[in-house]
Amino acid sequence: MSTYSNGILLFRFRNERLEVMLVHPGGPIWAKKDYGVWSIPKGLPEEHESPLDTAKREFREETGFEAEGEFIDLGELNQPNRKIVHIWALEKNLCNI
């Protein structure tokens, strides 16, 4: 059986270059590991939570920033571990670094 997860790929264009925001996975599986793994902020839905609301909540929990704006639905990605991740893209500049 597949597990469903929802996430947001934040991006911006700076000096004509595409930049994306990635996070280091957390939780019990990654607590004492650092394999150079990076991913979009994503996570599992809570009861009665829509997929996009899940993605927004996970983004806020994992980054401390609100994800608001015009979302681009990128669809689903089937990962080798049988997890299905629904991804939305959002163009936003959170800081000037």
Protein backbone atom coordinates (compact mmCIF):
# COMPACT_ATOMS: atom_id res chain seq x y z
CA MET A 1 0.00 0.00 0.00
CA SER A 2 1.26 3.49 -0.87
CA THR A 3 1.81 6.37 1.54
CA TYR A 4 0.73 9.82 0.38
CA SER A 5 2.70 12.96 1.18
CA ASN A 6 2.27 16.58 0.09
CA GLY A 7 4.89 19.27 -0.39
CA ILE A 8 5.84 22.64 -1.83
CA LEU A 9 8.77 23.44 -4.11
CA LEU A 10 9.60 27.09 -3.46
CA PHE A 11 11.55 28.83 -6.21
CA ARG A 12 12.73 32.25 -7.27
CA PHE A 13 14.74 33.82 -10.07
CA ARG A 14 17.71 35.88 -8.93
CA ASN A 15 20.18 37.46 -11.35
CA GLU A 16 18.58 35.40 -14.15
CA ARG A 17 19.27 32.14 -12.24
CA LEU A 18 16.71 29.70 -10.90
CA GLU A 19 17.04 29.01 -7.16
CA VAL A 20 15.00 26.46 -5.18
CA MET A 21 14.54 25.96 -1.45
CA LEU A 22 15.33 22.53 -0.05
CA VAL A 23 15.36 21.24 3.54
CA HIS A 24 17.21 18.47 5.33
CA PRO A 25 14.78 15.68 6.34
CA GLY A 26 13.94 15.41 10.03
CA GLY A 27 12.02 13.08 12.26
CA PRO A 28 13.07 9.83 13.91
CA ILE A 29 14.44 8.22 10.74
CA TRP A 30 16.92 11.06 10.15
CA ALA A 31 17.64 12.01 13.80
CA LYS A 32 21.23 10.69 13.84
CA LYS A 33 21.95 10.59 10.13
CA ASP A 34 23.32 13.11 7.67
CA TYR A 35 23.79 11.56 4.28
CA GLY A 36 23.66 14.84 2.41
CA VAL A 37 19.99 14.24 1.68
CA TRP A 38 17.88 17.27 0.79
CA SER A 39 14.23 17.47 -0.18
CA ILE A 40 11.29 19.80 -0.51
CA PRO A 41 9.33 20.48 2.69
CA LYS A 42 6.65 17.78 2.73
CA GLY A 43 4.70 15.53 5.03
CA LEU A 44 1.70 13.38 5.78
CA PRO A 45 -1.86 14.73 5.98
CA GLU A 46 -3.79 15.08 9.19
CA GLU A 47 -7.39 13.86 9.35
CA HIS A 48 -9.77 15.90 7.12
CA GLU A 49 -6.88 18.01 5.76
CA SER A 50 -6.73 18.74 2.03
CA PRO A 51 -3.50 17.89 0.18
CA LEU A 52 -2.63 21.56 -0.42
CA ASP A 53 -3.40 22.47 3.21
CA THR A 54 -1.08 19.63 4.27
CA ALA A 55 1.68 21.01 2.04
CA LYS A 56 1.22 24.53 3.45
CA ARG A 57 1.27 23.28 7.07
CA GLU A 58 4.36 21.15 6.50
CA PHE A 59 6.13 24.06 4.79
CA ARG A 60 5.36 26.31 7.79
CA GLU A 61 6.42 23.65 10.32
CA GLU A 62 9.68 22.84 8.53
CA THR A 63 10.76 26.35 7.52
CA GLY A 64 8.98 28.81 9.81
CA PHE A 65 7.62 30.67 6.77
CA GLU A 66 4.06 30.90 5.42
CA ALA A 67 3.52 29.59 1.90
CA GLU A 68 0.94 31.85 0.24
CA GLY A 69 0.52 32.88 -3.35
CA GLU A 70 -0.37 31.38 -6.70
CA PHE A 71 0.42 27.66 -6.53
CA ILE A 72 1.38 25.63 -9.60
CA ASP A 73 0.16 22.03 -9.37
CA LEU A 74 3.06 19.84 -10.53
CA GLY A 75 1.19 16.58 -9.93
CA GLU A 76 2.38 13.42 -8.25
CA LEU A 77 5.82 11.83 -8.00
CA ASN A 78 6.06 8.10 -7.33
CA GLN A 79 9.11 7.40 -5.18
CA PRO A 80 10.89 4.01 -5.13
CA ASN A 81 9.76 3.40 -1.52
CA ARG A 82 6.13 3.40 -2.76
CA LYS A 83 5.50 6.87 -1.33
CA ILE A 84 3.49 9.15 -3.60
CA VAL A 85 4.27 12.86 -3.20
CA HIS A 86 1.89 15.50 -4.55
CA ILE A 87 3.91 18.64 -5.28
CA TRP A 88 2.98 22.27 -5.78
CA ALA A 89 5.45 24.94 -6.91
CA LEU A 90 5.36 28.49 -5.57
CA GLU A 91 7.43 31.42 -6.79
CA LYS A 92 8.34 33.54 -3.80
CA ASN A 93 11.34 35.44 -2.47
CA LEU A 94 11.58 34.86 1.29
CA CYS A 95 14.82 36.75 1.85
CA ASN A 96 17.57 38.63 0.08
CA ILE A 97 20.50 36.30 0.65
